[in-house]
Each structure stands twice: as structure tokens, then as C-alpha cells.
PDB file of N, CA and C in Angstrom:
ATOM      1  N   MET A   1      24.143 -21.608  29.711  1.00  0.00           N
ATOM      2  CA  MET A   1      24.872 -20.470  29.198  1.00  0.00           C
ATOM      3  C   MET A   1      25.795 -19.928  30.271  1.00  0.00           C
ATOM      4  N   SER A   2      26.969 -19.687  29.862  1.00  0.00           N
ATOM      5  CA  SER A   2      27.909 -19.137  30.830  1.00  0.00           C
ATOM      6  C   SER A   2      28.068 -17.636  30.592  1.00  0.00           C
ATOM      7  N   ILE A   3      28.232 -16.924  31.671  1.00  0.00           N
ATOM      8  CA  ILE A   3      28.455 -15.484  31.601  1.00  0.00           C
ATOM      9  C   ILE A   3      29.953 -15.261  31.678  1.00  0.00           C
ATOM     10  N   ASN A   4      30.493 -14.686  30.609  1.00  0.00           N
ATOM     11  CA  ASN A   4      31.924 -14.427  30.649  1.00  0.00           C
ATOM     12  C   ASN A   4      32.162 -12.926  30.860  1.00  0.00           C
ATOM     13  N   ALA A   5      33.404 -12.532  30.921  1.00  0.00           N
ATOM     14  CA  ALA A   5      33.766 -11.145  31.221  1.00  0.00           C
ATOM     15  C   ALA A   5      33.250 -10.188  30.151  1.00  0.00           C
ATOM     16  N   LYS A   6      33.184 -10.652  28.902  1.00  0.00           N
ATOM     17  CA  LYS A   6      32.707  -9.796  27.812  1.00  0.00           C
ATOM     18  C   LYS A   6      31.234  -9.411  28.015  1.00  0.00           C
ATOM     19  N   HIS A   7      30.424 -10.384  28.389  1.00  0.00           N
ATOM     20  CA  HIS A   7      29.008 -10.120  28.635  1.00  0.00           C
ATOM     21  C   HIS A   7      28.821  -9.206  29.844  1.00  0.00           C
ATOM     22  N   LEU A   8      29.565  -9.447  30.871  1.00  0.00           N
ATOM     23  CA  LEU A   8      29.469  -8.642  32.082  1.00  0.00           C
ATOM     24  C   LEU A   8      29.876  -7.197  31.812  1.00  0.00           C
ATOM     25  N   ALA A   9      30.948  -7.010  31.042  1.00  0.00           N
ATOM     26  CA  ALA A   9      31.396  -5.657  30.702  1.00  0.00           C
ATOM     27  C   ALA A   9      30.356  -4.944  29.859  1.00  0.00           C
ATOM     28  N   THR A  10      29.735  -5.649  28.928  1.00  0.00           N
ATOM     29  CA  THR A  10      28.684  -5.057  28.095  1.00  0.00           C
ATOM     30  C   THR A  10      27.504  -4.619  28.947  1.00  0.00           C
ATOM     31  N   PHE A  11      27.099  -5.452  29.896  1.00  0.00           N
ATOM     32  CA  PHE A  11      25.995  -5.099  30.787  1.00  0.00           C
ATOM     33  C   PHE A  11      26.338  -3.872  31.624  1.00  0.00           C
ATOM     34  N   ILE A  12      27.528  -3.825  32.175  1.00  0.00           N
ATOM     35  CA  ILE A  12      27.929  -2.688  33.018  1.00  0.00           C
ATOM     36  C   ILE A  12      27.994  -1.404  32.205  1.00  0.00           C
ATOM     37  N   LEU A  13      28.532  -1.469  30.973  1.00  0.00           N
ATOM     38  CA  LEU A  13      28.584  -0.283  30.114  1.00  0.00           C
ATOM     39  C   LEU A  13      27.186   0.193  29.735  1.00  0.00           C
ATOM     40  N   GLY A  14      26.285  -0.720  29.469  1.00  0.00           N
ATOM     41  CA  GLY A  14      24.907  -0.356  29.141  1.00  0.00           C
ATOM     42  C   GLY A  14      24.213   0.304  30.310  1.00  0.00           C
ATOM     43  N   ALA A  15      24.415  -0.258  31.501  1.00  0.00           N
ATOM     44  CA  ALA A  15      23.814   0.331  32.701  1.00  0.00           C
ATOM     45  C   ALA A  15      24.385   1.721  32.961  1.00  0.00           C
ATOM     46  N   ALA A  16      25.691   1.884  32.768  1.00  0.00           N
ATOM     47  CA  ALA A  16      26.317   3.193  32.969  1.00  0.00           C
ATOM     48  C   ALA A  16      25.781   4.212  31.972  1.00  0.00           C
ATOM     49  N   ALA A  17      25.579   3.791  30.731  1.00  0.00           N
ATOM     50  CA  ALA A  17      25.026   4.697  29.724  1.00  0.00           C
ATOM     51  C   ALA A  17      23.597   5.100  30.093  1.00  0.00           C
ATOM     52  N   GLY A  18      22.823   4.174  30.624  1.00  0.00           N
ATOM     53  CA  GLY A  18      21.467   4.484  31.060  1.00  0.00           C
ATOM     54  C   GLY A  18      21.441   5.478  32.198  1.00  0.00           C
ATOM     55  N   VAL A  19      22.330   5.296  33.161  1.00  0.00           N
ATOM     56  CA  VAL A  19      22.415   6.230  34.295  1.00  0.00           C
ATOM     57  C   VAL A  19      22.832   7.612  33.805  1.00  0.00           C
ATOM     58  N   ALA A  20      23.807   7.665  32.897  1.00  0.00           N
ATOM     59  CA  ALA A  20      24.267   8.956  32.371  1.00  0.00           C
ATOM     60  C   ALA A  20      23.157   9.659  31.600  1.00  0.00           C
ATOM     61  N   ALA A  21      22.397   8.912  30.806  1.00  0.00           N
ATOM     62  CA  ALA A  21      21.291   9.509  30.053  1.00  0.00           C
ATOM     63  C   ALA A  21      20.232  10.039  31.009  1.00  0.00           C
ATOM     64  N   HIS A  22      19.931   9.288  32.054  1.00  0.00           N
ATOM     65  CA  HIS A  22      18.949   9.734  33.038  1.00  0.00           C
ATOM     66  C   HIS A  22      19.406  11.020  33.724  1.00  0.00           C
ATOM     67  N   LYS A  23      20.664  11.074  34.106  1.00  0.00           N
ATOM     68  CA  LYS A  23      21.210  12.287  34.755  1.00  0.00           C
ATOM     69  C   LYS A  23      21.133  13.477  33.796  1.00  0.00           C
ATOM     70  N   TYR A  24      21.470  13.256  32.506  1.00  0.00           N
ATOM     71  CA  TYR A  24      21.443  14.340  31.528  1.00  0.00           C
ATOM     72  C   TYR A  24      20.023  14.855  31.325  1.00  0.00           C
ATOM     73  N   LEU A  25      19.055  13.956  31.257  1.00  0.00           N
ATOM     74  CA  LEU A  25      17.679  14.359  31.009  1.00  0.00           C
ATOM     75  C   LEU A  25      17.062  15.087  32.198  1.00  0.00           C
ATOM     76  N   GLN A  26      17.672  15.003  33.370  1.00  0.00           N
ATOM     77  CA  GLN A  26      17.192  15.727  34.539  1.00  0.00           C
ATOM     78  C   GLN A  26      17.651  17.180  34.544  1.00  0.00           C
ATOM     79  N   THR A  27      18.620  17.530  33.699  1.00  0.00           N
ATOM     80  CA  THR A  27      19.104  18.910  33.649  1.00  0.00           C
ATOM     81  C   THR A  27      18.161  19.752  32.810  1.00  0.00           C
ATOM     82  N   GLU A  28      18.353  21.072  32.843  1.00  0.00           N
ATOM     83  CA  GLU A  28      17.511  21.986  32.072  1.00  0.00           C
ATOM     84  C   GLU A  28      17.664  21.729  30.568  1.00  0.00           C
ATOM     85  N   GLU A  29      18.887  21.496  30.146  1.00  0.00           N
ATOM     86  CA  GLU A  29      19.143  21.219  28.735  1.00  0.00           C
ATOM     87  C   GLU A  29      18.482  19.908  28.303  1.00  0.00           C
ATOM     88  N   GLY A  30      18.504  18.918  29.160  1.00  0.00           N
ATOM     89  CA  GLY A  30      17.868  17.638  28.870  1.00  0.00           C
ATOM     90  C   GLY A  30      16.352  17.772  28.783  1.00  0.00           C
ATOM     91  N   GLU A  31      15.767  18.589  29.650  1.00  0.00           N
ATOM     92  CA  GLU A  31      14.324  18.810  29.594  1.00  0.00           C
ATOM     93  C   GLU A  31      13.930  19.531  28.313  1.00  0.00           C
ATOM     94  N   LYS A  32      14.774  20.475  27.860  1.00  0.00           N
ATOM     95  CA  LYS A  32      14.520  21.145  26.573  1.00  0.00           C
ATOM     96  C   LYS A  32      14.542  20.126  25.440  1.00  0.00           C
ATOM     97  N   LEU A  33      15.513  19.243  25.494  1.00  0.00           N
ATOM     98  CA  LEU A  33      15.628  18.206  24.472  1.00  0.00           C
ATOM     99  C   LEU A  33      14.370  17.338  24.446  1.00  0.00           C
ATOM    100  N   LEU A  34      13.886  16.927  25.599  1.00  0.00           N
ATOM    101  CA  LEU A  34      12.671  16.109  25.666  1.00  0.00           C
ATOM    102  C   LEU A  34      11.463  16.854  25.118  1.00  0.00           C
ATOM    103  N   GLU A  35      11.328  18.140  25.454  1.00  0.00           N
ATOM    104  CA  GLU A  35      10.207  18.935  24.942  1.00  0.00           C
ATOM    105  C   GLU A  35      10.280  19.056  23.423  1.00  0.00           C
ATOM    106  N   ASP A  36      11.482  19.282  22.895  1.00  0.00           N
ATOM    107  CA  ASP A  36      11.653  19.364  21.446  1.00  0.00           C
ATOM    108  C   ASP A  36      11.283  18.040  20.777  1.00  0.00           C
ATOM    109  N   LEU A  37      11.708  16.948  21.385  1.00  0.00           N
ATOM    110  CA  LEU A  37      11.385  15.632  20.827  1.00  0.00           C
ATOM    111  C   LEU A  37       9.881  15.375  20.848  1.00  0.00           C
ATOM    112  N   LYS A  38       9.225  15.771  21.941  1.00  0.00           N
ATOM    113  CA  LYS A  38       7.772  15.583  22.036  1.00  0.00           C
ATOM    114  C   LYS A  38       7.055  16.417  20.985  1.00  0.00           C
ATOM    115  N   THR A  39       7.495  17.673  20.801  1.00  0.00           N
ATOM    116  CA  THR A  39       6.877  18.549  19.807  1.00  0.00           C
ATOM    117  C   THR A  39       7.043  17.977  18.405  1.00  0.00           C
ATOM    118  N   LYS A  40       8.261  17.543  18.083  1.00  0.00           N
ATOM    119  CA  LYS A  40       8.511  16.972  16.762  1.00  0.00           C
ATOM    120  C   LYS A  40       7.708  15.692  16.551  1.00  0.00           C
ATOM    121  N   ALA A  41       7.585  14.882  17.578  1.00  0.00           N
ATOM    122  CA  ALA A  41       6.809  13.641  17.464  1.00  0.00           C
ATOM    123  C   ALA A  41       5.329  13.943  17.235  1.00  0.00           C
ATOM    124  N   ASN A  42       4.786  14.933  17.935  1.00  0.00           N
ATOM    125  CA  ASN A  42       3.382  15.301  17.738  1.00  0.00           C
ATOM    126  C   ASN A  42       3.144  15.870  16.343  1.00  0.00           C
ATOM    127  N   ASN A  43       4.099  16.684  15.851  1.00  0.00           N
ATOM    128  CA  ASN A  43       3.974  17.224  14.496  1.00  0.00           C
ATOM    129  C   ASN A  43       4.005  16.110  13.457  1.00  0.00           C
ATOM    130  N   LEU A  44       4.910  15.159  13.644  1.00  0.00           N
ATOM    131  CA  LEU A  44       5.003  14.029  12.726  1.00  0.00           C
ATOM    132  C   LEU A  44       3.732  13.190  12.756  1.00  0.00           C
ATOM    133  N   LYS A  45       3.165  12.999  13.944  1.00  0.00           N
ATOM    134  CA  LYS A  45       1.930  12.234  14.075  1.00  0.00           C
ATOM    135  C   LYS A  45       0.787  12.933  13.348  1.00  0.00           C
ATOM    136  N   ALA A  46       0.672  14.260  13.520  1.00  0.00           N
ATOM    137  CA  ALA A  46      -0.384  15.020  12.843  1.00  0.00           C
ATOM    138  C   ALA A  46      -0.211  14.968  11.329  1.00  0.00           C
ATOM    139  N   GLU A  47       1.033  15.050  10.874  1.00  0.00           N
ATOM    140  CA  GLU A  47       1.300  14.986   9.436  1.00  0.00           C
ATOM    141  C   GLU A  47       0.923  13.613   8.879  1.00  0.00           C
ATOM    142  N   ALA A  48       1.241  12.569   9.613  1.00  0.00           N
ATOM    143  CA  ALA A  48       0.907  11.212   9.171  1.00  0.00           C
ATOM    144  C   ALA A  48      -0.605  11.002   9.132  1.00  0.00           C
ATOM    145  N   GLU A  49      -1.317  11.515  10.126  1.00  0.00           N
ATOM    146  CA  GLU A  49      -2.775  11.381  10.134  1.00  0.00           C
ATOM    147  C   GLU A  49      -3.388  12.144   8.971  1.00  0.00           C
ATOM    148  N   GLY A  50      -2.841  13.320   8.661  1.00  0.00           N
ATOM    149  CA  GLY A  50      -3.325  14.085   7.510  1.00  0.00           C
ATOM    150  C   GLY A  50      -3.079  13.356   6.207  1.00  0.00           C
ATOM    151  N   ALA A  51      -1.922  12.700   6.089  1.00  0.00           N
ATOM    152  CA  ALA A  51      -1.605  11.945   4.879  1.00  0.00           C
ATOM    153  C   ALA A  51      -2.560  10.763   4.717  1.00  0.00           C
ATOM    154  N   ILE A  52      -2.917  10.129   5.819  1.00  0.00           N
ATOM    155  CA  ILE A  52      -3.852   9.000   5.754  1.00  0.00           C
ATOM    156  C   ILE A  52      -5.222   9.482   5.280  1.00  0.00           C
ATOM    157  N   ASP A  53      -5.646  10.651   5.755  1.00  0.00           N
ATOM    158  CA  ASP A  53      -6.936  11.187   5.344  1.00  0.00           C
ATOM    159  C   ASP A  53      -6.956  11.566   3.863  1.00  0.00           C
ATOM    160  N   LYS A  54      -5.815  12.021   3.336  1.00  0.00           N
ATOM    161  CA  LYS A  54      -5.747  12.466   1.945  1.00  0.00           C
ATOM    162  C   LYS A  54      -5.453  11.334   0.969  1.00  0.00           C
ATOM    163  N   ALA A  55      -5.061  10.175   1.443  1.00  0.00           N
ATOM    164  CA  ALA A  55      -4.638   9.076   0.568  1.00  0.00           C
ATOM    165  C   ALA A  55      -5.708   8.636  -0.431  1.00  0.00           C
ATOM    166  N   PRO A  56      -6.967   8.418  -0.038  1.00  0.00           N
ATOM    167  CA  PRO A  56      -7.954   7.982  -1.036  1.00  0.00           C
ATOM    168  C   PRO A  56      -8.139   8.998  -2.169  1.00  0.00           C
ATOM    169  N   GLU A  57      -8.162  10.288  -1.820  1.00  0.00           N
ATOM    170  CA  GLU A  57      -8.300  11.321  -2.842  1.00  0.00           C
ATOM    171  C   GLU A  57      -7.090  11.311  -3.779  1.00  0.00           C
ATOM    172  N   TYR A  58      -5.913  11.159  -3.211  1.00  0.00           N
ATOM    173  CA  TYR A  58      -4.689  11.158  -4.002  1.00  0.00           C
ATOM    174  C   TYR A  58      -4.673   9.994  -4.989  1.00  0.00           C
ATOM    175  N   PHE A  59      -5.030   8.806  -4.522  1.00  0.00           N
ATOM    176  CA  PHE A  59      -4.997   7.651  -5.410  1.00  0.00           C
ATOM    177  C   PHE A  59      -6.092   7.720  -6.468  1.00  0.00           C
ATOM    178  N   GLU A  60      -7.231   8.298  -6.144  1.00  0.00           N
ATOM    179  CA  GLU A  60      -8.281   8.473  -7.145  1.00  0.00           C
ATOM    180  C   GLU A  60      -7.814   9.446  -8.226  1.00  0.00           C
ATOM    181  N   GLU A  61      -7.179  10.539  -7.813  1.00  0.00           N
ATOM    182  CA  GLU A  61      -6.643  11.504  -8.770  1.00  0.00           C
ATOM    183  C   GLU A  61      -5.539  10.867  -9.621  1.00  0.00           C
ATOM    184  N   LEU A  62      -4.691  10.086  -8.997  1.00  0.00           N
ATOM    185  CA  LEU A  62      -3.618   9.406  -9.716  1.00  0.00           C
ATOM    186  C   LEU A  62      -4.191   8.446 -10.754  1.00  0.00           C
ATOM    187  N   LYS A  63      -5.243   7.717 -10.380  1.00  0.00           N
ATOM    188  CA  LYS A  63      -5.875   6.786 -11.307  1.00  0.00           C
ATOM    189  C   LYS A  63      -6.482   7.530 -12.494  1.00  0.00           C
ATOM    190  N   THR A  64      -7.184   8.621 -12.222  1.00  0.00           N
ATOM    191  CA  THR A  64      -7.826   9.386 -13.282  1.00  0.00           C
ATOM    192  C   THR A  64      -6.807  10.008 -14.224  1.00  0.00           C
ATOM    193  N   LYS A  65      -5.817  10.694 -13.645  1.00  0.00           N
ATOM    194  CA  LYS A  65      -4.799  11.335 -14.479  1.00  0.00           C
ATOM    195  C   LYS A  65      -3.958  10.313 -15.221  1.00  0.00           C
ATOM    196  N   GLY A  66      -3.676   9.196 -14.595  1.00  0.00           N
ATOM    197  CA  GLY A  66      -2.902   8.146 -15.254  1.00  0.00           C
ATOM    198  C   GLY A  66      -3.649   7.574 -16.446  1.00  0.00           C
ATOM    199  N   ALA A  67      -4.952   7.352 -16.288  1.00  0.00           N
ATOM    200  CA  ALA A  67      -5.758   6.828 -17.390  1.00  0.00           C
ATOM    201  C   ALA A  67      -5.825   7.846 -18.528  1.00  0.00           C
ATOM    202  N   GLU A  68      -6.001   9.127 -18.180  1.00  0.00           N
ATOM    203  CA  GLU A  68      -6.050  10.169 -19.211  1.00  0.00           C
ATOM    204  C   GLU A  68      -4.724  10.269 -19.962  1.00  0.00           C
ATOM    205  N   THR A  69      -3.624  10.222 -19.228  1.00  0.00           N
ATOM    206  CA  THR A  69      -2.302  10.310 -19.855  1.00  0.00           C
ATOM    207  C   THR A  69      -2.041   9.106 -20.745  1.00  0.00           C
ATOM    208  N   LEU A  70      -2.408   7.932 -20.279  1.00  0.00           N
ATOM    209  CA  LEU A  70      -2.220   6.724 -21.067  1.00  0.00           C
ATOM    210  C   LEU A  70      -3.036   6.792 -22.356  1.00  0.00           C
ATOM    211  N   LYS A  71      -4.291   7.229 -22.259  1.00  0.00           N
ATOM    212  CA  LYS A  71      -5.139   7.329 -23.449  1.00  0.00           C
ATOM    213  C   LYS A  71      -4.630   8.409 -24.394  1.00  0.00           C
ATOM    214  N   GLY A  72      -4.095   9.503 -23.838  1.00  0.00           N
ATOM    215  CA  GLY A  72      -3.594  10.586 -24.676  1.00  0.00           C
ATOM    216  C   GLY A  72      -2.321  10.217 -25.413  1.00  0.00           C
ATOM    217  N   ASN A  73      -1.409   9.519 -24.752  1.00  0.00           N
ATOM    218  CA  ASN A  73      -0.136   9.169 -25.370  1.00  0.00           C
ATOM    219  C   ASN A  73      -0.172   7.864 -26.161  1.00  0.00           C
ATOM    220  N   PHE A  74      -1.027   6.954 -25.746  1.00  0.00           N
ATOM    221  CA  PHE A  74      -1.144   5.659 -26.417  1.00  0.00           C
ATOM    222  C   PHE A  74      -2.623   5.376 -26.667  1.00  0.00           C
ATOM    223  N   PRO A  75      -3.191   5.921 -27.752  1.00  0.00           N
ATOM    224  CA  PRO A  75      -4.638   5.789 -27.981  1.00  0.00           C
ATOM    225  C   PRO A  75      -5.119   4.350 -28.138  1.00  0.00           C
ATOM    226  N   ASP A  76      -4.260   3.449 -28.622  1.00  0.00           N
ATOM    227  CA  ASP A  76      -4.694   2.066 -28.796  1.00  0.00           C
ATOM    228  C   ASP A  76      -4.382   1.188 -27.581  1.00  0.00           C
ATOM    229  N   ALA A  77      -3.971   1.791 -26.489  1.00  0.00           N
ATOM    230  CA  ALA A  77      -3.606   1.021 -25.299  1.00  0.00           C
ATOM    231  C   ALA A  77      -4.808   0.289 -24.700  1.00  0.00           C
ATOM    232  N   GLU A  78      -5.961   0.915 -24.734  1.00  0.00           N
ATOM    233  CA  GLU A  78      -7.145   0.280 -24.141  1.00  0.00           C
ATOM    234  C   GLU A  78      -7.483  -1.024 -24.863  1.00  0.00           C
ATOM    235  N   GLY A  79      -7.461  -0.986 -26.172  1.00  0.00           N
ATOM    236  CA  GLY A  79      -7.718  -2.196 -26.950  1.00  0.00           C
ATOM    237  C   GLY A  79      -6.665  -3.254 -26.712  1.00  0.00           C
ATOM    238  N   PHE A  80      -5.404  -2.831 -26.610  1.00  0.00           N
ATOM    239  CA  PHE A  80      -4.311  -3.767 -26.343  1.00  0.00           C
ATOM    240  C   PHE A  80      -4.522  -4.484 -25.014  1.00  0.00           C
ATOM    241  N   PHE A  81      -4.861  -3.709 -23.979  1.00  0.00           N
ATOM    242  CA  PHE A  81      -5.054  -4.326 -22.662  1.00  0.00           C
ATOM    243  C   PHE A  81      -6.292  -5.217 -22.629  1.00  0.00           C
ATOM    244  N   LYS A  82      -7.335  -4.846 -23.364  1.00  0.00           N
ATOM    245  CA  LYS A  82      -8.516  -5.718 -23.428  1.00  0.00           C
ATOM    246  C   LYS A  82      -8.164  -7.042 -24.092  1.00  0.00           C
ATOM    247  N   ASP A  83      -7.417  -6.972 -25.216  1.00  0.00           N
ATOM    248  CA  ASP A  83      -6.997  -8.208 -25.894  1.00  0.00           C
ATOM    249  C   ASP A  83      -6.117  -9.058 -24.989  1.00  0.00           C
ATOM    250  N   LEU A  84      -5.193  -8.405 -24.305  1.00  0.00           N
ATOM    251  CA  LEU A  84      -4.296  -9.121 -23.402  1.00  0.00           C
ATOM    252  C   LEU A  84      -5.071  -9.805 -22.284  1.00  0.00           C
ATOM    253  N   PHE A  85      -6.052  -9.096 -21.728  1.00  0.00           N
ATOM    254  CA  PHE A  85      -6.869  -9.671 -20.660  1.00  0.00           C
ATOM    255  C   PHE A  85      -7.664 -10.867 -21.166  1.00  0.00           C
ATOM    256  N   GLU A  86      -8.196 -10.746 -22.381  1.00  0.00           N
ATOM    257  CA  GLU A  86      -8.967 -11.853 -22.951  1.00  0.00           C
ATOM    258  C   GLU A  86      -8.079 -13.073 -23.179  1.00  0.00           C
ATOM    259  N   LYS A  87      -6.822 -12.838 -23.585  1.00  0.00           N
ATOM    260  CA  LYS A  87      -5.906 -13.964 -23.792  1.00  0.00           C
ATOM    261  C   LYS A  87      -5.625 -14.683 -22.478  1.00  0.00           C
ATOM    262  N   PHE A  88      -5.426 -13.910 -21.408  1.00  0.00           N
ATOM    263  CA  PHE A  88      -5.173 -14.540 -20.112  1.00  0.00           C
ATOM    264  C   PHE A  88      -6.414 -15.210 -19.558  1.00  0.00           C
ATOM    265  N   LYS A  89      -7.563 -14.631 -19.859  1.00  0.00           N
ATOM    266  CA  LYS A  89      -8.815 -15.184 -19.355  1.00  0.00           C
ATOM    267  C   LYS A  89      -9.182 -16.467 -20.096  1.00  0.00           C
ATOM    268  N   GLY A  90      -8.680 -16.600 -21.333  1.00  0.00           N
ATOM    269  CA  GLY A  90      -8.943 -17.821 -22.091  1.00  0.00           C
ATOM    270  C   GLY A  90     -10.115 -17.706 -23.020  1.00  0.00           C
ATOM    271  N   THR A  91     -10.537 -16.493 -23.372  1.00  0.00           N
ATOM    272  CA  THR A  91     -11.685 -16.324 -24.257  1.00  0.00           C
ATOM    273  C   THR A  91     -11.270 -15.999 -25.674  1.00  0.00           C
ATOM    274  N   LYS A  92     -10.001 -16.221 -26.038  1.00  0.00           N
ATOM    275  CA  LYS A  92      -9.571 -15.945 -27.396  1.00  0.00           C
ATOM    276  C   LYS A  92     -10.094 -17.032 -28.323  1.00  0.00           C
ATOM    277  N   GLY A  93     -10.153 -16.733 -29.593  1.00  0.00           N
ATOM    278  CA  GLY A  93     -10.683 -17.675 -30.572  1.00  0.00           C
ATOM    279  C   GLY A  93      -9.797 -18.892 -30.712  1.00  0.00           C
ATOM    280  N   SER A  94     -10.397 -20.067 -30.874  1.00  0.00           N
ATOM    281  CA  SER A  94      -9.623 -21.295 -30.990  1.00  0.00           C
ATOM    282  C   SER A  94      -9.246 -21.585 -32.431  1.00  0.00           C
ATOM    283  N   ALA A  95      -9.787 -20.848 -33.411  1.00  0.00           N
ATOM    284  CA  ALA A  95      -9.507 -21.096 -34.818  1.00  0.00           C
ATOM    285  C   ALA A  95      -8.219 -20.422 -35.267  1.00  0.00           C
ATOM    286  N   SER A  96      -7.540 -19.740 -34.405  1.00  0.00           N
ATOM    287  CA  SER A  96      -6.363 -18.984 -34.810  1.00  0.00           C
ATOM    288  C   SER A  96      -5.176 -19.870 -35.148  1.00  0.00           C
ATOM    289  N   SER A  97      -4.944 -20.954 -34.451  1.00  0.00           N
ATOM    290  CA  SER A  97      -3.749 -21.760 -34.692  1.00  0.00           C
ATOM    291  C   SER A  97      -4.030 -23.025 -35.495  1.00  0.00           C
ATOM    292  N   GLY A  98      -5.216 -23.544 -35.427  1.00  0.00           N
ATOM    293  CA  GLY A  98      -5.552 -24.742 -36.177  1.00  0.00           C
ATOM    294  C   GLY A  98      -5.165 -26.029 -35.461  1.00  0.00           C
ATOM    295  N   THR A  99      -4.324 -25.993 -34.479  1.00  0.00           N
ATOM    296  CA  THR A  99      -3.952 -27.187 -33.724  1.00  0.00           C
ATOM    297  C   THR A  99      -4.461 -27.054 -32.310  1.00  0.00           C
ATOM    298  N   ASP A 100      -4.877 -28.148 -31.785  1.00  0.00           N
ATOM    299  CA  ASP A 100      -5.391 -28.148 -30.413  1.00  0.00           C
ATOM    300  C   ASP A 100      -4.285 -28.638 -29.488  1.00  0.00           C
ATOM    301  N   VAL A 101      -3.732 -27.748 -28.719  1.00  0.00           N
ATOM    302  CA  VAL A 101      -2.659 -28.099 -27.804  1.00  0.00           C
ATOM    303  C   VAL A 101      -3.248 -28.179 -26.404  1.00  0.00           C
ATOM    304  N   THR A 102      -3.126 -29.349 -25.792  1.00  0.00           N
ATOM    305  CA  THR A 102      -3.613 -29.515 -24.426  1.00  0.00           C
ATOM    306  C   THR A 102      -2.435 -29.840 -23.532  1.00  0.00           C
ATOM    307  N   THR A 103      -2.524 -29.381 -22.336  1.00  0.00           N
ATOM    308  CA  THR A 103      -1.454 -29.674 -21.384  1.00  0.00           C
ATOM    309  C   THR A 103      -1.737 -31.019 -20.742  1.00  0.00           C
ATOM    310  N   PRO A 104      -0.723 -31.845 -20.617  1.00  0.00           N
ATOM    311  CA  PRO A 104      -0.958 -33.170 -20.004  1.00  0.00           C
ATOM    312  C   PRO A 104      -1.250 -33.037 -18.510  1.00  0.00           C
ATOM    313  N   THR A 105      -2.128 -33.896 -18.039  1.00  0.00           N
ATOM    314  CA  THR A 105      -2.470 -33.937 -16.623  1.00  0.00           C
ATOM    315  C   THR A 105      -1.534 -34.897 -15.927  1.00  0.00           C
ATOM    316  N   PRO A 106      -0.863 -34.464 -14.874  1.00  0.00           N
ATOM    317  CA  PRO A 106       0.064 -35.392 -14.196  1.00  0.00           C
ATOM    318  C   PRO A 106      -0.688 -36.503 -13.482  1.00  0.00           C
ATOM    319  N   ASP A 107      -0.031 -37.651 -13.386  1.00  0.00           N
ATOM    320  CA  ASP A 107      -0.629 -38.784 -12.693  1.00  0.00           C
ATOM    321  C   ASP A 107      -0.659 -38.500 -11.193  1.00  0.00           C
ATOM    322  N   PRO A 108      -1.752 -38.848 -10.538  1.00  0.00           N
ATOM    323  CA  PRO A 108      -1.817 -38.634  -9.090  1.00  0.00           C
ATOM    324  C   PRO A 108      -0.880 -39.592  -8.355  1.00  0.00           C
ATOM    325  N   ILE A 109      -0.340 -39.128  -7.268  1.00  0.00           N
ATOM    326  CA  ILE A 109       0.541 -39.960  -6.455  1.00  0.00           C
ATOM    327  C   ILE A 109      -0.315 -40.784  -5.506  1.00  0.00           C
ATOM    328  N   SER A 110      -0.131 -42.095  -5.574  1.00  0.00           N
ATOM    329  CA  SER A 110      -0.929 -42.982  -4.728  1.00  0.00           C
ATOM    330  C   SER A 110      -0.134 -43.488  -3.563  1.00  0.00           C
TER     331      SER A 110
END
């Protein structure tokens, strides 16, 4: 890999920006900024930890209320989902169509 003038200029500009940021953070205004950032980060961390603690309760409530709302607005939904599950599970009656449809088994590759 060759280092050309573009790469060198990018490195020098990045280093200069780092030095300028360091100088700024050493001032009184920069220290205030750091303290504010630390306070906001700690508040965000506490809020996130609280949300993690409340998540199981929230999802249990969501499940309960969702089931109640579904049953209230669509009374036959439970039966529909049971029938649908049975169809996917393969326990539906075989006398419904009268024809036995089987899927062909592919030949193994030798």
C-alpha cells in the first residue's frame, strides 16, 4: 500500500482535530460539557436498566390485554386459530377431499 498526499492530509487533519478537542476539554467550558455528558449518560443508563426490569411485566400485560381484545372483537378467532394450527400440524381429517395427494420424494444424488 502506498501512502499518498490525500491519506497524509487526512491523518494530519484528524490529529489536529484531536489536539483541538483535547485543548477545548481542558477549559472550564469543556469540563462543564463533560460533566453534562456524564450526567446524561448515567440517566440514560438508569432508564435503560429500569426498562429492562419492567419488560416482563409489560409483555405479560400486553399478552393478556391483547388476548382479551381479540376475544372481545373477534369471538370466533380462537376456534379459527385452533383449526389453522391443526391444519399446519397435519391432524385434519383425510376424508375431506376424497383424493390422496402425496408429494413425490426426490431421488438421492449418488
